[in-house]
Amino acid sequence: MSDTERSEVRETKRGFGWSGVLAAFSAGAIVGAITALLYAPQSGKDTRDKIKDRFSDFSESAGAFIERSKESFEEAKDKMSSAYQGAVERTSTAIEHAKEKLARKKEAE
């Protein structure tokens, strides 16, 4: 196993990966945006309205991301299922051909 593969295995075992990085980055962006809004020289109502608007925007984009992820997952699942079915059919056909050859060989002896 190469050093890169070992590193990937360690990261997977520790739970790191792109999804973890993306979640941490998103959380940091949200905290940073809220902090910036809270320290901006505005009235409390304006600040709360901006926070609400930003959270609403984030919520919508997160929902869209989740929907795209679900669609991608379903497409991948369908492709894997189709590939599996194809492999099963090819294997079954190969086994039948092997059985036929074996039977013919036994008859020839």
N, C-alpha and C. Protein backbone atom coordinates (compact mmCIF):
# COMPACT_ATOMS: atom_id res chain seq x y z
N MET A 1 0.85 -1.17 0.00
CA MET A 1 0.00 0.00 0.00
C MET A 1 0.90 1.23 0.00
N SER A 2 0.62 2.19 -0.88
CA SER A 2 1.45 3.38 -0.97
C SER A 2 1.17 4.33 0.20
N ASP A 3 2.06 5.30 0.35
CA ASP A 3 1.89 6.28 1.43
C ASP A 3 0.60 7.07 1.26
N THR A 4 0.25 7.39 0.02
CA THR A 4 -0.98 8.14 -0.24
C THR A 4 -2.20 7.33 0.17
N GLU A 5 -2.20 6.04 -0.18
CA GLU A 5 -3.32 5.19 0.19
C GLU A 5 -3.43 5.06 1.69
N ARG A 6 -2.30 4.91 2.38
CA ARG A 6 -2.32 4.82 3.84
C ARG A 6 -2.88 6.09 4.45
N SER A 7 -2.47 7.22 3.89
CA SER A 7 -2.96 8.51 4.39
C SER A 7 -4.47 8.61 4.22
N GLU A 8 -4.97 8.18 3.05
CA GLU A 8 -6.41 8.22 2.80
C GLU A 8 -7.16 7.30 3.75
N VAL A 9 -6.60 6.13 4.04
CA VAL A 9 -7.23 5.20 4.96
C VAL A 9 -7.29 5.81 6.36
N ARG A 10 -6.19 6.42 6.78
CA ARG A 10 -6.16 7.06 8.11
C ARG A 10 -7.19 8.17 8.19
N GLU A 11 -7.28 9.00 7.14
CA GLU A 11 -8.26 10.09 7.14
C GLU A 11 -9.67 9.55 7.20
N THR A 12 -9.93 8.47 6.47
CA THR A 12 -11.26 7.88 6.48
C THR A 12 -11.58 7.33 7.86
N LYS A 13 -10.64 6.66 8.48
CA LYS A 13 -10.87 6.11 9.81
C LYS A 13 -11.11 7.20 10.83
N ARG A 14 -10.45 8.34 10.68
CA ARG A 14 -10.63 9.43 11.63
C ARG A 14 -11.88 10.24 11.33
N GLY A 15 -12.52 9.98 10.22
CA GLY A 15 -13.76 10.68 9.89
C GLY A 15 -13.55 11.96 9.11
N PHE A 16 -12.32 12.23 8.68
CA PHE A 16 -12.08 13.40 7.87
C PHE A 16 -12.39 13.07 6.42
N GLY A 17 -12.58 14.05 5.65
CA GLY A 17 -12.86 13.87 4.24
C GLY A 17 -13.48 15.14 3.72
N TRP A 18 -13.89 15.12 2.48
CA TRP A 18 -14.45 16.32 1.87
C TRP A 18 -15.73 16.78 2.55
N SER A 19 -16.55 15.86 2.98
CA SER A 19 -17.81 16.27 3.62
C SER A 19 -17.52 16.97 4.94
N GLY A 20 -16.54 16.48 5.69
CA GLY A 20 -16.18 17.13 6.95
C GLY A 20 -15.57 18.50 6.72
N VAL A 21 -14.72 18.60 5.71
CA VAL A 21 -14.10 19.88 5.39
C VAL A 21 -15.16 20.88 4.94
N LEU A 22 -16.09 20.43 4.11
CA LEU A 22 -17.16 21.30 3.63
C LEU A 22 -18.04 21.77 4.79
N ALA A 23 -18.37 20.87 5.69
CA ALA A 23 -19.21 21.25 6.84
C ALA A 23 -18.47 22.25 7.73
N ALA A 24 -17.19 22.03 7.98
CA ALA A 24 -16.41 22.95 8.81
C ALA A 24 -16.29 24.31 8.15
N PHE A 25 -16.05 24.32 6.84
CA PHE A 25 -15.94 25.58 6.11
C PHE A 25 -17.26 26.34 6.16
N SER A 26 -18.37 25.64 5.95
CA SER A 26 -19.69 26.28 5.99
C SER A 26 -19.99 26.85 7.37
N ALA A 27 -19.69 26.09 8.40
CA ALA A 27 -19.93 26.56 9.76
C ALA A 27 -19.08 27.80 10.04
N GLY A 28 -17.84 27.79 9.61
CA GLY A 28 -16.97 28.95 9.80
C GLY A 28 -17.48 30.17 9.06
N ALA A 29 -17.97 29.96 7.85
CA ALA A 29 -18.51 31.08 7.07
C ALA A 29 -19.73 31.68 7.74
N ILE A 30 -20.59 30.83 8.27
CA ILE A 30 -21.79 31.32 8.95
C ILE A 30 -21.41 32.11 10.19
N VAL A 31 -20.53 31.56 11.01
CA VAL A 31 -20.10 32.25 12.24
C VAL A 31 -19.43 33.58 11.89
N GLY A 32 -18.60 33.58 10.86
CA GLY A 32 -17.93 34.81 10.44
C GLY A 32 -18.92 35.86 9.96
N ALA A 33 -19.91 35.44 9.19
CA ALA A 33 -20.90 36.39 8.68
C ALA A 33 -21.72 36.98 9.83
N ILE A 34 -22.13 36.15 10.76
CA ILE A 34 -22.92 36.64 11.89
C ILE A 34 -22.09 37.58 12.75
N THR A 35 -20.83 37.24 12.99
CA THR A 35 -19.95 38.10 13.78
C THR A 35 -19.77 39.45 13.11
N ALA A 36 -19.56 39.44 11.80
CA ALA A 36 -19.40 40.70 11.06
C ALA A 36 -20.66 41.54 11.16
N LEU A 37 -21.80 40.93 11.06
CA LEU A 37 -23.06 41.67 11.16
C LEU A 37 -23.26 42.26 12.56
N LEU A 38 -22.89 41.48 13.56
CA LEU A 38 -23.09 41.95 14.94
C LEU A 38 -22.19 43.13 15.28
N TYR A 39 -21.01 43.20 14.67
CA TYR A 39 -20.10 44.30 14.95
C TYR A 39 -20.27 45.47 13.99
N ALA A 40 -21.15 45.36 13.04
CA ALA A 40 -21.40 46.46 12.10
C ALA A 40 -22.17 47.57 12.81
N PRO A 41 -21.88 48.82 12.47
CA PRO A 41 -22.57 49.94 13.13
C PRO A 41 -23.97 50.16 12.54
N GLN A 42 -24.93 49.35 13.03
CA GLN A 42 -26.32 49.46 12.58
C GLN A 42 -27.22 49.31 13.79
N SER A 43 -28.49 49.58 13.57
CA SER A 43 -29.43 49.37 14.66
C SER A 43 -29.65 47.88 14.87
N GLY A 44 -30.14 47.51 16.04
CA GLY A 44 -30.39 46.10 16.35
C GLY A 44 -31.38 45.47 15.40
N LYS A 45 -32.42 46.19 15.05
CA LYS A 45 -33.45 45.65 14.14
C LYS A 45 -32.85 45.38 12.77
N ASP A 46 -32.06 46.33 12.25
CA ASP A 46 -31.42 46.13 10.94
C ASP A 46 -30.50 44.91 10.97
N THR A 47 -29.76 44.79 12.04
CA THR A 47 -28.84 43.66 12.17
C THR A 47 -29.61 42.34 12.22
N ARG A 48 -30.67 42.29 13.01
CA ARG A 48 -31.48 41.06 13.08
C ARG A 48 -32.10 40.73 11.72
N ASP A 49 -32.57 41.74 11.02
CA ASP A 49 -33.14 41.51 9.69
C ASP A 49 -32.10 40.96 8.73
N LYS A 50 -30.88 41.52 8.80
CA LYS A 50 -29.82 41.01 7.91
C LYS A 50 -29.46 39.57 8.26
N ILE A 51 -29.38 39.27 9.56
CA ILE A 51 -29.07 37.90 9.97
C ILE A 51 -30.16 36.97 9.47
N LYS A 52 -31.40 37.36 9.63
CA LYS A 52 -32.52 36.54 9.17
C LYS A 52 -32.45 36.33 7.66
N ASP A 53 -32.16 37.39 6.91
CA ASP A 53 -32.07 37.28 5.45
C ASP A 53 -30.92 36.37 5.03
N ARG A 54 -29.77 36.54 5.67
CA ARG A 54 -28.61 35.71 5.33
C ARG A 54 -28.87 34.25 5.68
N PHE A 55 -29.49 34.01 6.83
CA PHE A 55 -29.79 32.64 7.22
C PHE A 55 -30.79 32.02 6.24
N SER A 56 -31.76 32.82 5.80
CA SER A 56 -32.74 32.34 4.83
C SER A 56 -32.05 31.97 3.51
N ASP A 57 -31.13 32.83 3.06
CA ASP A 57 -30.38 32.56 1.83
C ASP A 57 -29.57 31.28 1.97
N PHE A 58 -28.88 31.16 3.10
CA PHE A 58 -28.07 29.96 3.35
C PHE A 58 -28.95 28.72 3.38
N SER A 59 -30.10 28.84 4.04
CA SER A 59 -31.01 27.71 4.16
C SER A 59 -31.49 27.25 2.78
N GLU A 60 -31.80 28.22 1.92
CA GLU A 60 -32.24 27.88 0.56
C GLU A 60 -31.13 27.21 -0.23
N SER A 61 -29.91 27.75 -0.13
CA SER A 61 -28.80 27.15 -0.89
C SER A 61 -28.46 25.77 -0.33
N ALA A 62 -28.56 25.60 0.99
CA ALA A 62 -28.30 24.28 1.57
C ALA A 62 -29.35 23.29 1.11
N GLY A 63 -30.61 23.73 1.05
CA GLY A 63 -31.68 22.85 0.56
C GLY A 63 -31.45 22.44 -0.88
N ALA A 64 -31.02 23.39 -1.71
CA ALA A 64 -30.74 23.07 -3.11
C ALA A 64 -29.57 22.09 -3.22
N PHE A 65 -28.54 22.29 -2.39
CA PHE A 65 -27.40 21.38 -2.38
C PHE A 65 -27.83 19.97 -1.98
N ILE A 66 -28.68 19.88 -0.99
CA ILE A 66 -29.17 18.58 -0.53
C ILE A 66 -29.96 17.90 -1.64
N GLU A 67 -30.80 18.65 -2.33
CA GLU A 67 -31.58 18.07 -3.43
C GLU A 67 -30.67 17.57 -4.54
N ARG A 68 -29.66 18.37 -4.89
CA ARG A 68 -28.72 17.92 -5.93
C ARG A 68 -27.97 16.68 -5.48
N SER A 69 -27.62 16.63 -4.21
CA SER A 69 -26.92 15.46 -3.68
C SER A 69 -27.80 14.22 -3.74
N LYS A 70 -29.07 14.38 -3.39
CA LYS A 70 -30.00 13.26 -3.46
C LYS A 70 -30.13 12.75 -4.89
N GLU A 71 -30.25 13.69 -5.83
CA GLU A 71 -30.37 13.30 -7.24
C GLU A 71 -29.11 12.57 -7.71
N SER A 72 -27.96 13.09 -7.33
CA SER A 72 -26.69 12.45 -7.72
C SER A 72 -26.60 11.06 -7.11
N PHE A 73 -27.01 10.94 -5.86
CA PHE A 73 -26.98 9.65 -5.19
C PHE A 73 -27.90 8.66 -5.90
N GLU A 74 -29.10 9.09 -6.25
CA GLU A 74 -30.04 8.21 -6.94
C GLU A 74 -29.49 7.78 -8.30
N GLU A 75 -28.88 8.72 -9.03
CA GLU A 75 -28.28 8.37 -10.32
C GLU A 75 -27.16 7.35 -10.15
N ALA A 76 -26.31 7.59 -9.16
CA ALA A 76 -25.21 6.66 -8.91
C ALA A 76 -25.74 5.29 -8.51
N LYS A 77 -26.79 5.28 -7.68
CA LYS A 77 -27.39 4.01 -7.24
C LYS A 77 -27.95 3.26 -8.44
N ASP A 78 -28.63 3.97 -9.34
CA ASP A 78 -29.19 3.33 -10.53
C ASP A 78 -28.08 2.76 -11.42
N LYS A 79 -27.01 3.52 -11.60
CA LYS A 79 -25.90 3.06 -12.43
C LYS A 79 -25.25 1.82 -11.81
N MET A 80 -25.06 1.86 -10.48
CA MET A 80 -24.44 0.71 -9.81
C MET A 80 -25.34 -0.51 -9.91
N SER A 81 -26.64 -0.32 -9.75
CA SER A 81 -27.57 -1.44 -9.85
C SER A 81 -27.54 -2.04 -11.25
N SER A 82 -27.52 -1.17 -12.24
CA SER A 82 -27.47 -1.63 -13.63
C SER A 82 -26.17 -2.39 -13.90
N ALA A 83 -25.06 -1.84 -13.41
CA ALA A 83 -23.77 -2.51 -13.61
C ALA A 83 -23.75 -3.85 -12.90
N TYR A 84 -24.32 -3.92 -11.72
CA TYR A 84 -24.39 -5.18 -10.97
C TYR A 84 -25.21 -6.20 -11.73
N GLN A 85 -26.37 -5.78 -12.23
CA GLN A 85 -27.23 -6.70 -12.98
C GLN A 85 -26.50 -7.21 -14.23
N GLY A 86 -25.79 -6.31 -14.90
CA GLY A 86 -25.03 -6.71 -16.08
C GLY A 86 -23.95 -7.73 -15.73
N ALA A 87 -23.27 -7.50 -14.63
CA ALA A 87 -22.22 -8.42 -14.19
C ALA A 87 -22.81 -9.78 -13.83
N VAL A 88 -23.94 -9.78 -13.17
CA VAL A 88 -24.60 -11.05 -12.81
C VAL A 88 -24.99 -11.81 -14.08
N GLU A 89 -25.56 -11.10 -15.05
CA GLU A 89 -25.97 -11.76 -16.29
C GLU A 89 -24.76 -12.33 -17.04
N ARG A 90 -23.68 -11.54 -17.13
CA ARG A 90 -22.48 -12.02 -17.83
C ARG A 90 -21.87 -13.21 -17.11
N THR A 91 -21.85 -13.16 -15.80
CA THR A 91 -21.30 -14.28 -15.03
C THR A 91 -22.14 -15.52 -15.20
N SER A 92 -23.46 -15.36 -15.15
CA SER A 92 -24.36 -16.51 -15.35
C SER A 92 -24.17 -17.13 -16.72
N THR A 93 -24.04 -16.28 -17.74
CA THR A 93 -23.83 -16.76 -19.10
C THR A 93 -22.50 -17.51 -19.20
N ALA A 94 -21.46 -16.94 -18.59
CA ALA A 94 -20.14 -17.59 -18.62
C ALA A 94 -20.19 -18.94 -17.91
N ILE A 95 -20.90 -19.02 -16.81
CA ILE A 95 -21.02 -20.29 -16.08
C ILE A 95 -21.76 -21.32 -16.92
N GLU A 96 -22.82 -20.92 -17.58
CA GLU A 96 -23.58 -21.84 -18.43
C GLU A 96 -22.72 -22.35 -19.58
N HIS A 97 -21.95 -21.44 -20.21
CA HIS A 97 -21.06 -21.86 -21.29
C HIS A 97 -20.01 -22.84 -20.78
N ALA A 98 -19.47 -22.57 -19.60
CA ALA A 98 -18.47 -23.47 -19.03
C ALA A 98 -19.07 -24.83 -18.74
N LYS A 99 -20.29 -24.87 -18.22
CA LYS A 99 -20.97 -26.14 -17.94
C LYS A 99 -21.19 -26.91 -19.23
N GLU A 100 -21.61 -26.19 -20.29
CA GLU A 100 -21.84 -26.86 -21.57
C GLU A 100 -20.55 -27.44 -22.13
N LYS A 101 -19.46 -26.69 -22.05
CA LYS A 101 -18.17 -27.18 -22.53
C LYS A 101 -17.72 -28.39 -21.74
N LEU A 102 -17.90 -28.34 -20.43
CA LEU A 102 -17.52 -29.44 -19.57
C LEU A 102 -18.35 -30.69 -19.91
N ALA A 103 -19.64 -30.50 -20.15
CA ALA A 103 -20.50 -31.63 -20.50
C ALA A 103 -20.08 -32.23 -21.84
N ARG A 104 -19.77 -31.37 -22.81
CA ARG A 104 -19.32 -31.86 -24.12
C ARG A 104 -17.99 -32.61 -23.99
N LYS A 105 -17.12 -32.09 -23.14
CA LYS A 105 -15.82 -32.73 -22.97
C LYS A 105 -15.98 -34.11 -22.33
N LYS A 106 -16.89 -34.21 -21.35
CA LYS A 106 -17.13 -35.50 -20.70
C LYS A 106 -17.76 -36.48 -21.69
N GLU A 107 -18.64 -36.01 -22.56
CA GLU A 107 -19.26 -36.88 -23.56
C GLU A 107 -18.23 -37.38 -24.56
N ALA A 108 -17.25 -36.54 -24.89
CA ALA A 108 -16.23 -36.91 -25.87
C ALA A 108 -15.27 -37.97 -25.32
N GLU A 109 -15.15 -38.04 -24.01
CA GLU A 109 -14.21 -39.01 -23.41
C GLU A 109 -14.74 -40.36 -23.41
